[in-house]
Amino acid sequence: MTFKTFASASLFALLGFGALAAQASSMPMADSSVMQYRYGDKLDVKKVLSVSDDQTTACGVVNARMDYLDSHGQPQSVAYRSYATDGCHDN
């Protein structure tokens, strides 16, 4: 492996780690009581208490959270990614 190849590989690795760090910093802080939703998860929702997202004037994918009561009346929270369209139109 030449120095040029090694330097290129190192640069791409560094940029990849930087992208992962940037994405991690944009995610909300982990709260042990908030479940992170994954596609296909079954939710036990009897009553939705609130739905909120990070930015109300964004256009694109944002962090969102739903607080709800399950079928046993226990409060639960789930975090997920949602597509916000509030900022997509010029009015």
PDB file of N, CA and C in Angstrom:
ATOM      1  N   MET A   1       0.858  -1.167   0.000  1.00  0.00           N
ATOM      2  CA  MET A   1       0.000   0.000   0.000  1.00  0.00           C
ATOM      3  C   MET A   1       0.908   1.234   0.000  1.00  0.00           C
ATOM      4  N   THR A   2       0.639   2.122  -0.927  1.00  0.00           N
ATOM      5  CA  THR A   2       1.444   3.331  -1.012  1.00  0.00           C
ATOM      6  C   THR A   2       0.952   4.363  -0.014  1.00  0.00           C
ATOM      7  N   PHE A   3       1.763   5.353   0.212  1.00  0.00           N
ATOM      8  CA  PHE A   3       1.390   6.421   1.140  1.00  0.00           C
ATOM      9  C   PHE A   3       0.140   7.148   0.652  1.00  0.00           C
ATOM     10  N   LYS A   4       0.032   7.371  -0.656  1.00  0.00           N
ATOM     11  CA  LYS A   4      -1.129   8.076  -1.211  1.00  0.00           C
ATOM     12  C   LYS A   4      -2.412   7.284  -0.963  1.00  0.00           C
ATOM     13  N   THR A   5      -2.381   5.978  -1.154  1.00  0.00           N
ATOM     14  CA  THR A   5      -3.543   5.132  -0.912  1.00  0.00           C
ATOM     15  C   THR A   5      -3.904   5.136   0.573  1.00  0.00           C
ATOM     16  N   PHE A   6      -2.895   5.019   1.408  1.00  0.00           N
ATOM     17  CA  PHE A   6      -3.122   5.041   2.853  1.00  0.00           C
ATOM     18  C   PHE A   6      -3.719   6.374   3.297  1.00  0.00           C
ATOM     19  N   ALA A   7      -3.201   7.475   2.765  1.00  0.00           N
ATOM     20  CA  ALA A   7      -3.712   8.800   3.126  1.00  0.00           C
ATOM     21  C   ALA A   7      -5.163   8.961   2.677  1.00  0.00           C
ATOM     22  N   SER A   8      -5.493   8.475   1.477  1.00  0.00           N
ATOM     23  CA  SER A   8      -6.871   8.564   0.981  1.00  0.00           C
ATOM     24  C   SER A   8      -7.823   7.749   1.850  1.00  0.00           C
ATOM     25  N   ALA A   9      -7.415   6.532   2.191  1.00  0.00           N
ATOM     26  CA  ALA A   9      -8.255   5.682   3.038  1.00  0.00           C
ATOM     27  C   ALA A   9      -8.461   6.320   4.408  1.00  0.00           C
ATOM     28  N   SER A  10      -7.410   6.907   4.957  1.00  0.00           N
ATOM     29  CA  SER A  10      -7.513   7.570   6.257  1.00  0.00           C
ATOM     30  C   SER A  10      -8.454   8.762   6.196  1.00  0.00           C
ATOM     31  N   LEU A  11      -8.388   9.523   5.112  1.00  0.00           N
ATOM     32  CA  LEU A  11      -9.259  10.684   4.951  1.00  0.00           C
ATOM     33  C   LEU A  11     -10.717  10.267   4.882  1.00  0.00           C
ATOM     34  N   PHE A  12     -11.023   9.230   4.093  1.00  0.00           N
ATOM     35  CA  PHE A  12     -12.404   8.755   3.996  1.00  0.00           C
ATOM     36  C   PHE A  12     -12.908   8.217   5.330  1.00  0.00           C
ATOM     37  N   ALA A  13     -12.058   7.519   6.070  1.00  0.00           N
ATOM     38  CA  ALA A  13     -12.448   7.015   7.384  1.00  0.00           C
ATOM     39  C   ALA A  13     -12.741   8.169   8.345  1.00  0.00           C
ATOM     40  N   LEU A  14     -11.901   9.192   8.309  1.00  0.00           N
ATOM     41  CA  LEU A  14     -12.093  10.351   9.171  1.00  0.00           C
ATOM     42  C   LEU A  14     -13.388  11.080   8.834  1.00  0.00           C
ATOM     43  N   LEU A  15     -13.672  11.239   7.543  1.00  0.00           N
ATOM     44  CA  LEU A  15     -14.916  11.896   7.128  1.00  0.00           C
ATOM     45  C   LEU A  15     -16.138  11.064   7.528  1.00  0.00           C
ATOM     46  N   GLY A  16     -16.020   9.753   7.436  1.00  0.00           N
ATOM     47  CA  GLY A  16     -17.122   8.880   7.851  1.00  0.00           C
ATOM     48  C   GLY A  16     -17.409   8.992   9.336  1.00  0.00           C
ATOM     49  N   PHE A  17     -16.361   9.000  10.155  1.00  0.00           N
ATOM     50  CA  PHE A  17     -16.559   9.159  11.599  1.00  0.00           C
ATOM     51  C   PHE A  17     -17.138  10.533  11.923  1.00  0.00           C
ATOM     52  N   GLY A  18     -16.736  11.549  11.175  1.00  0.00           N
ATOM     53  CA  GLY A  18     -17.284  12.890  11.380  1.00  0.00           C
ATOM     54  C   GLY A  18     -18.766  12.939  11.073  1.00  0.00           C
ATOM     55  N   ALA A  19     -19.182  12.259  10.008  1.00  0.00           N
ATOM     56  CA  ALA A  19     -20.599  12.220   9.653  1.00  0.00           C
ATOM     57  C   ALA A  19     -21.405  11.498  10.722  1.00  0.00           C
ATOM     58  N   LEU A  20     -20.874  10.398  11.257  1.00  0.00           N
ATOM     59  CA  LEU A  20     -21.575   9.682  12.327  1.00  0.00           C
ATOM     60  C   LEU A  20     -21.712  10.551  13.577  1.00  0.00           C
ATOM     61  N   ALA A  21     -20.667  11.276  13.909  1.00  0.00           N
ATOM     62  CA  ALA A  21     -20.717  12.150  15.084  1.00  0.00           C
ATOM     63  C   ALA A  21     -21.723  13.273  14.887  1.00  0.00           C
ATOM     64  N   ALA A  22     -21.790  13.823  13.680  1.00  0.00           N
ATOM     65  CA  ALA A  22     -22.743  14.902  13.406  1.00  0.00           C
ATOM     66  C   ALA A  22     -24.172  14.400  13.513  1.00  0.00           C
ATOM     67  N   GLN A  23     -24.437  13.196  13.015  1.00  0.00           N
ATOM     68  CA  GLN A  23     -25.787  12.642  13.105  1.00  0.00           C
ATOM     69  C   GLN A  23     -26.143  12.343  14.553  1.00  0.00           C
ATOM     70  N   ALA A  24     -25.209  11.829  15.312  1.00  0.00           N
ATOM     71  CA  ALA A  24     -25.468  11.516  16.716  1.00  0.00           C
ATOM     72  C   ALA A  24     -25.766  12.777  17.515  1.00  0.00           C
ATOM     73  N   SER A  25     -25.099  13.888  17.189  1.00  0.00           N
ATOM     74  CA  SER A  25     -25.341  15.119  17.931  1.00  0.00           C
ATOM     75  C   SER A  25     -26.686  15.734  17.587  1.00  0.00           C
ATOM     76  N   SER A  26     -27.275  15.382  16.422  1.00  0.00           N
ATOM     77  CA  SER A  26     -28.571  15.940  16.055  1.00  0.00           C
ATOM     78  C   SER A  26     -29.725  15.144  16.657  1.00  0.00           C
ATOM     79  N   MET A  27     -29.448  13.951  17.183  1.00  0.00           N
ATOM     80  CA  MET A  27     -30.479  13.137  17.801  1.00  0.00           C
ATOM     81  C   MET A  27     -30.715  13.624  19.230  1.00  0.00           C
ATOM     82  N   PRO A  28     -31.948  13.478  19.735  1.00  0.00           N
ATOM     83  CA  PRO A  28     -32.209  13.909  21.111  1.00  0.00           C
ATOM     84  C   PRO A  28     -31.438  13.046  22.099  1.00  0.00           C
ATOM     85  N   MET A  29     -31.210  13.594  23.280  1.00  0.00           N
ATOM     86  CA  MET A  29     -30.504  12.858  24.325  1.00  0.00           C
ATOM     87  C   MET A  29     -31.316  11.620  24.689  1.00  0.00           C
ATOM     88  N   ALA A  30     -30.632  10.531  24.906  1.00  0.00           N
ATOM     89  CA  ALA A  30     -31.306   9.277  25.232  1.00  0.00           C
ATOM     90  C   ALA A  30     -31.941   9.378  26.612  1.00  0.00           C
ATOM     91  N   ASP A  31     -33.190   9.060  26.687  1.00  0.00           N
ATOM     92  CA  ASP A  31     -33.937   9.029  27.931  1.00  0.00           C
ATOM     93  C   ASP A  31     -34.384   7.591  28.118  1.00  0.00           C
ATOM     94  N   SER A  32     -34.072   7.009  29.254  1.00  0.00           N
ATOM     95  CA  SER A  32     -34.364   5.591  29.465  1.00  0.00           C
ATOM     96  C   SER A  32     -35.855   5.289  29.413  1.00  0.00           C
ATOM     97  N   SER A  33     -36.707   6.292  29.639  1.00  0.00           N
ATOM     98  CA  SER A  33     -38.140   6.051  29.614  1.00  0.00           C
ATOM     99  C   SER A  33     -38.741   6.218  28.221  1.00  0.00           C
ATOM    100  N   VAL A  34     -37.951   6.645  27.254  1.00  0.00           N
ATOM    101  CA  VAL A  34     -38.451   6.849  25.897  1.00  0.00           C
ATOM    102  C   VAL A  34     -37.956   5.712  25.007  1.00  0.00           C
ATOM    103  N   MET A  35     -38.896   4.996  24.409  1.00  0.00           N
ATOM    104  CA  MET A  35     -38.550   3.905  23.508  1.00  0.00           C
ATOM    105  C   MET A  35     -38.242   4.479  22.125  1.00  0.00           C
ATOM    106  N   GLN A  36     -37.194   4.003  21.489  1.00  0.00           N
ATOM    107  CA  GLN A  36     -36.872   4.414  20.126  1.00  0.00           C
ATOM    108  C   GLN A  36     -37.630   3.487  19.181  1.00  0.00           C
ATOM    109  N   TYR A  37     -38.550   4.043  18.392  1.00  0.00           N
ATOM    110  CA  TYR A  37     -39.372   3.236  17.490  1.00  0.00           C
ATOM    111  C   TYR A  37     -38.542   2.685  16.337  1.00  0.00           C
ATOM    112  N   ARG A  38     -38.765   1.451  16.012  1.00  0.00           N
ATOM    113  CA  ARG A  38     -38.181   0.794  14.844  1.00  0.00           C
ATOM    114  C   ARG A  38     -39.333   0.293  13.977  1.00  0.00           C
ATOM    115  N   TYR A  39     -39.158   0.353  12.676  1.00  0.00           N
ATOM    116  CA  TYR A  39     -40.204  -0.073  11.753  1.00  0.00           C
ATOM    117  C   TYR A  39     -40.666  -1.480  12.104  1.00  0.00           C
ATOM    118  N   GLY A  40     -41.974  -1.637  12.253  1.00  0.00           N
ATOM    119  CA  GLY A  40     -42.548  -2.933  12.576  1.00  0.00           C
ATOM    120  C   GLY A  40     -42.822  -3.143  14.049  1.00  0.00           C
ATOM    121  N   ASP A  41     -42.344  -2.238  14.924  1.00  0.00           N
ATOM    122  CA  ASP A  41     -42.630  -2.372  16.356  1.00  0.00           C
ATOM    123  C   ASP A  41     -44.132  -2.278  16.591  1.00  0.00           C
ATOM    124  N   LYS A  42     -44.628  -3.096  17.479  1.00  0.00           N
ATOM    125  CA  LYS A  42     -46.041  -3.054  17.863  1.00  0.00           C
ATOM    126  C   LYS A  42     -46.179  -2.147  19.077  1.00  0.00           C
ATOM    127  N   LEU A  43     -47.037  -1.150  18.981  1.00  0.00           N
ATOM    128  CA  LEU A  43     -47.265  -0.225  20.089  1.00  0.00           C
ATOM    129  C   LEU A  43     -48.618  -0.514  20.728  1.00  0.00           C
ATOM    130  N   ASP A  44     -48.672  -0.458  22.034  1.00  0.00           N
ATOM    131  CA  ASP A  44     -49.896  -0.655  22.796  1.00  0.00           C
ATOM    132  C   ASP A  44     -50.423   0.727  23.182  1.00  0.00           C
ATOM    133  N   VAL A  45     -51.174   1.355  22.280  1.00  0.00           N
ATOM    134  CA  VAL A  45     -51.647   2.731  22.489  1.00  0.00           C
ATOM    135  C   VAL A  45     -53.150   2.717  22.729  1.00  0.00           C
ATOM    136  N   LYS A  46     -53.537   3.197  23.894  1.00  0.00           N
ATOM    137  CA  LYS A  46     -54.968   3.358  24.179  1.00  0.00           C
ATOM    138  C   LYS A  46     -55.390   4.809  23.964  1.00  0.00           C
ATOM    139  N   LYS A  47     -54.523   5.774  24.408  1.00  0.00           N
ATOM    140  CA  LYS A  47     -54.852   7.182  24.266  1.00  0.00           C
ATOM    141  C   LYS A  47     -53.569   7.981  24.043  1.00  0.00           C
ATOM    142  N   VAL A  48     -53.557   8.799  22.990  1.00  0.00           N
ATOM    143  CA  VAL A  48     -52.408   9.660  22.710  1.00  0.00           C
ATOM    144  C   VAL A  48     -52.531  10.919  23.555  1.00  0.00           C
ATOM    145  N   LEU A  49     -51.478  11.239  24.294  1.00  0.00           N
ATOM    146  CA  LEU A  49     -51.475  12.428  25.143  1.00  0.00           C
ATOM    147  C   LEU A  49     -50.896  13.638  24.411  1.00  0.00           C
ATOM    148  N   SER A  50     -49.788  13.439  23.681  1.00  0.00           N
ATOM    149  CA  SER A  50     -49.184  14.546  22.938  1.00  0.00           C
ATOM    150  C   SER A  50     -48.263  14.004  21.855  1.00  0.00           C
ATOM    151  N   VAL A  51     -48.104  14.812  20.809  1.00  0.00           N
ATOM    152  CA  VAL A  51     -47.165  14.527  19.724  1.00  0.00           C
ATOM    153  C   VAL A  51     -46.402  15.816  19.481  1.00  0.00           C
ATOM    154  N   SER A  52     -45.071  15.731  19.460  1.00  0.00           N
ATOM    155  CA  SER A  52     -44.273  16.933  19.243  1.00  0.00           C
ATOM    156  C   SER A  52     -43.072  16.578  18.378  1.00  0.00           C
ATOM    157  N   ASP A  53     -42.494  17.610  17.728  1.00  0.00           N
ATOM    158  CA  ASP A  53     -41.263  17.401  16.975  1.00  0.00           C
ATOM    159  C   ASP A  53     -40.279  18.508  17.310  1.00  0.00           C
ATOM    160  N   ASP A  54     -39.034  18.329  16.864  1.00  0.00           N
ATOM    161  CA  ASP A  54     -37.959  19.261  17.204  1.00  0.00           C
ATOM    162  C   ASP A  54     -38.158  20.650  16.621  1.00  0.00           C
ATOM    163  N   GLN A  55     -38.560  20.719  15.349  1.00  0.00           N
ATOM    164  CA  GLN A  55     -38.665  22.009  14.678  1.00  0.00           C
ATOM    165  C   GLN A  55     -40.023  22.109  13.999  1.00  0.00           C
ATOM    166  N   THR A  56     -40.773  23.127  14.325  1.00  0.00           N
ATOM    167  CA  THR A  56     -42.106  23.257  13.753  1.00  0.00           C
ATOM    168  C   THR A  56     -42.083  23.893  12.370  1.00  0.00           C
ATOM    169  N   THR A  57     -40.997  24.564  11.985  1.00  0.00           N
ATOM    170  CA  THR A  57     -40.942  25.202  10.671  1.00  0.00           C
ATOM    171  C   THR A  57     -39.963  24.504   9.741  1.00  0.00           C
ATOM    172  N   ALA A  58     -39.696  23.238   9.981  1.00  0.00           N
ATOM    173  CA  ALA A  58     -38.735  22.501   9.163  1.00  0.00           C
ATOM    174  C   ALA A  58     -39.421  21.884   7.953  1.00  0.00           C
ATOM    175  N   CYS A  59     -38.627  21.614   6.948  1.00  0.00           N
ATOM    176  CA  CYS A  59     -39.075  20.870   5.783  1.00  0.00           C
ATOM    177  C   CYS A  59     -38.110  19.719   5.608  1.00  0.00           C
ATOM    178  N   GLY A  60     -38.514  18.542   5.991  1.00  0.00           N
ATOM    179  CA  GLY A  60     -37.648  17.376   5.904  1.00  0.00           C
ATOM    180  C   GLY A  60     -37.816  16.498   7.124  1.00  0.00           C
ATOM    181  N   VAL A  61     -36.877  15.607   7.317  1.00  0.00           N
ATOM    182  CA  VAL A  61     -36.948  14.639   8.404  1.00  0.00           C
ATOM    183  C   VAL A  61     -36.505  15.283   9.719  1.00  0.00           C
ATOM    184  N   VAL A  62     -37.344  15.136  10.746  1.00  0.00           N
ATOM    185  CA  VAL A  62     -37.063  15.700  12.066  1.00  0.00           C
ATOM    186  C   VAL A  62     -37.300  14.631  13.136  1.00  0.00           C
ATOM    187  N   ASN A  63     -36.770  14.866  14.311  1.00  0.00           N
ATOM    188  CA  ASN A  63     -37.026  13.997  15.462  1.00  0.00           C
ATOM    189  C   ASN A  63     -38.409  14.317  16.014  1.00  0.00           C
ATOM    190  N   ALA A  64     -39.158  13.280  16.359  1.00  0.00           N
ATOM    191  CA  ALA A  64     -40.498  13.467  16.910  1.00  0.00           C
ATOM    192  C   ALA A  64     -40.672  12.560  18.118  1.00  0.00           C
ATOM    193  N   ARG A  65     -41.680  12.886  18.921  1.00  0.00           N
ATOM    194  CA  ARG A  65     -41.957  12.112  20.132  1.00  0.00           C
ATOM    195  C   ARG A  65     -43.461  12.068  20.356  1.00  0.00           C
ATOM    196  N   MET A  66     -43.940  10.898  20.755  1.00  0.00           N
ATOM    197  CA  MET A  66     -45.348  10.731  21.097  1.00  0.00           C
ATOM    198  C   MET A  66     -45.427  10.208  22.522  1.00  0.00           C
ATOM    199  N   ASP A  67     -46.219  10.885  23.340  1.00  0.00           N
ATOM    200  CA  ASP A  67     -46.500  10.445  24.705  1.00  0.00           C
ATOM    201  C   ASP A  67     -47.916   9.884  24.704  1.00  0.00           C
ATOM    202  N   TYR A  68     -48.109   8.721  25.328  1.00  0.00           N
ATOM    203  CA  TYR A  68     -49.409   8.063  25.275  1.00  0.00           C
ATOM    204  C   TYR A  68     -49.629   7.200  26.516  1.00  0.00           C
ATOM    205  N   LEU A  69     -50.858   6.747  26.657  1.00  0.00           N
ATOM    206  CA  LEU A  69     -51.208   5.786  27.705  1.00  0.00           C
ATOM    207  C   LEU A  69     -51.388   4.429  27.046  1.00  0.00           C
ATOM    208  N   ASP A  70     -50.823   3.373  27.666  1.00  0.00           N
ATOM    209  CA  ASP A  70     -51.010   2.032  27.116  1.00  0.00           C
ATOM    210  C   ASP A  70     -52.329   1.453  27.625  1.00  0.00           C
ATOM    211  N   SER A  71     -52.623   0.214  27.260  1.00  0.00           N
ATOM    212  CA  SER A  71     -53.907  -0.393  27.625  1.00  0.00           C
ATOM    213  C   SER A  71     -54.059  -0.618  29.121  1.00  0.00           C
ATOM    214  N   HIS A  72     -52.963  -0.509  29.883  1.00  0.00           N
ATOM    215  CA  HIS A  72     -53.017  -0.639  31.343  1.00  0.00           C
ATOM    216  C   HIS A  72     -53.075   0.721  32.029  1.00  0.00           C
ATOM    217  N   GLY A  73     -53.144   1.806  31.239  1.00  0.00           N
ATOM    218  CA  GLY A  73     -53.198   3.151  31.798  1.00  0.00           C
ATOM    219  C   GLY A  73     -51.845   3.717  32.189  1.00  0.00           C
ATOM    220  N   GLN A  74     -50.763   3.037  31.819  1.00  0.00           N
ATOM    221  CA  GLN A  74     -49.414   3.495  32.161  1.00  0.00           C
ATOM    222  C   GLN A  74     -48.906   4.466  31.088  1.00  0.00           C
ATOM    223  N   PRO A  75     -48.313   5.585  31.507  1.00  0.00           N
ATOM    224  CA  PRO A  75     -47.766   6.528  30.516  1.00  0.00           C
ATOM    225  C   PRO A  75     -46.519   5.949  29.844  1.00  0.00           C
ATOM    226  N   GLN A  76     -46.437   6.112  28.535  1.00  0.00           N
ATOM    227  CA  GLN A  76     -45.317   5.642  27.735  1.00  0.00           C
ATOM    228  C   GLN A  76     -44.911   6.751  26.775  1.00  0.00           C
ATOM    229  N   SER A  77     -43.683   6.669  26.273  1.00  0.00           N
ATOM    230  CA  SER A  77     -43.203   7.625  25.278  1.00  0.00           C
ATOM    231  C   SER A  77     -42.429   6.865  24.206  1.00  0.00           C
ATOM    232  N   VAL A  78     -42.569   7.323  22.973  1.00  0.00           N
ATOM    233  CA  VAL A  78     -41.837   6.723  21.869  1.00  0.00           C
ATOM    234  C   VAL A  78     -41.238   7.839  21.026  1.00  0.00           C
ATOM    235  N   ALA A  79     -39.964   7.697  20.660  1.00  0.00           N
ATOM    236  CA  ALA A  79     -39.273   8.659  19.805  1.00  0.00           C
ATOM    237  C   ALA A  79     -39.151   8.046  18.417  1.00  0.00           C
ATOM    238  N   TYR A  80     -39.290   8.872  17.400  1.00  0.00           N
ATOM    239  CA  TYR A  80     -39.220   8.389  16.026  1.00  0.00           C
ATOM    240  C   TYR A  80     -38.840   9.534  15.104  1.00  0.00           C
ATOM    241  N   ARG A  81     -38.577   9.234  13.853  1.00  0.00           N
ATOM    242  CA  ARG A  81     -38.258  10.241  12.849  1.00  0.00           C
ATOM    243  C   ARG A  81     -39.503  10.451  11.996  1.00  0.00           C
ATOM    244  N   SER A  82     -39.801  11.699  11.690  1.00  0.00           N
ATOM    245  CA  SER A  82     -40.994  12.035  10.919  1.00  0.00           C
ATOM    246  C   SER A  82     -40.634  13.070   9.854  1.00  0.00           C
ATOM    247  N   TYR A  83     -41.441  13.145   8.818  1.00  0.00           N
ATOM    248  CA  TYR A  83     -41.210  14.128   7.761  1.00  0.00           C
ATOM    249  C   TYR A  83     -42.080  15.347   8.028  1.00  0.00           C
ATOM    250  N   ALA A  84     -41.441  16.464   8.343  1.00  0.00           N
ATOM    251  CA  ALA A  84     -42.148  17.713   8.609  1.00  0.00           C
ATOM    252  C   ALA A  84     -42.287  18.510   7.310  1.00  0.00           C
ATOM    253  N   THR A  85     -43.451  19.065   7.091  1.00  0.00           N
ATOM    254  CA  THR A  85     -43.693  19.818   5.850  1.00  0.00           C
ATOM    255  C   THR A  85     -44.047  21.275   6.089  1.00  0.00           C
ATOM    256  N   ASP A  86     -43.984  21.735   7.331  1.00  0.00           N
ATOM    257  CA  ASP A  86     -44.384  23.114   7.649  1.00  0.00           C
ATOM    258  C   ASP A  86     -43.548  24.155   6.935  1.00  0.00           C
ATOM    259  N   GLY A  87     -42.284  23.910   6.733  1.00  0.00           N
ATOM    260  CA  GLY A  87     -41.402  24.901   6.121  1.00  0.00           C
ATOM    261  C   GLY A  87     -41.180  24.693   4.628  1.00  0.00           C
ATOM    262  N   CYS A  88     -41.979  23.840   4.011  1.00  0.00           N
ATOM    263  CA  CYS A  88     -41.759  23.491   2.597  1.00  0.00           C
ATOM    264  C   CYS A  88     -42.367  24.493   1.618  1.00  0.00           C
ATOM    265  N   HIS A  89     -43.240  25.349   2.072  1.00  0.00           N
ATOM    266  CA  HIS A  89     -43.936  26.258   1.172  1.00  0.00           C
ATOM    267  C   HIS A  89     -43.684  27.703   1.549  1.00  0.00           C
ATOM    268  N   ASP A  90     -43.478  28.548   0.570  1.00  0.00           N
ATOM    269  CA  ASP A  90     -43.332  29.982   0.816  1.00  0.00           C
ATOM    270  C   ASP A  90     -44.716  30.608   0.827  1.00  0.00           C
ATOM    271  N   ASN A  91     -45.087  31.197   1.938  1.00  0.00           N
ATOM    272  CA  ASN A  91     -46.397  31.858   2.050  1.00  0.00           C
ATOM    273  C   ASN A  91     -46.212  33.326   2.310  1.00  0.00           C
TER     274      ASN A  91
END
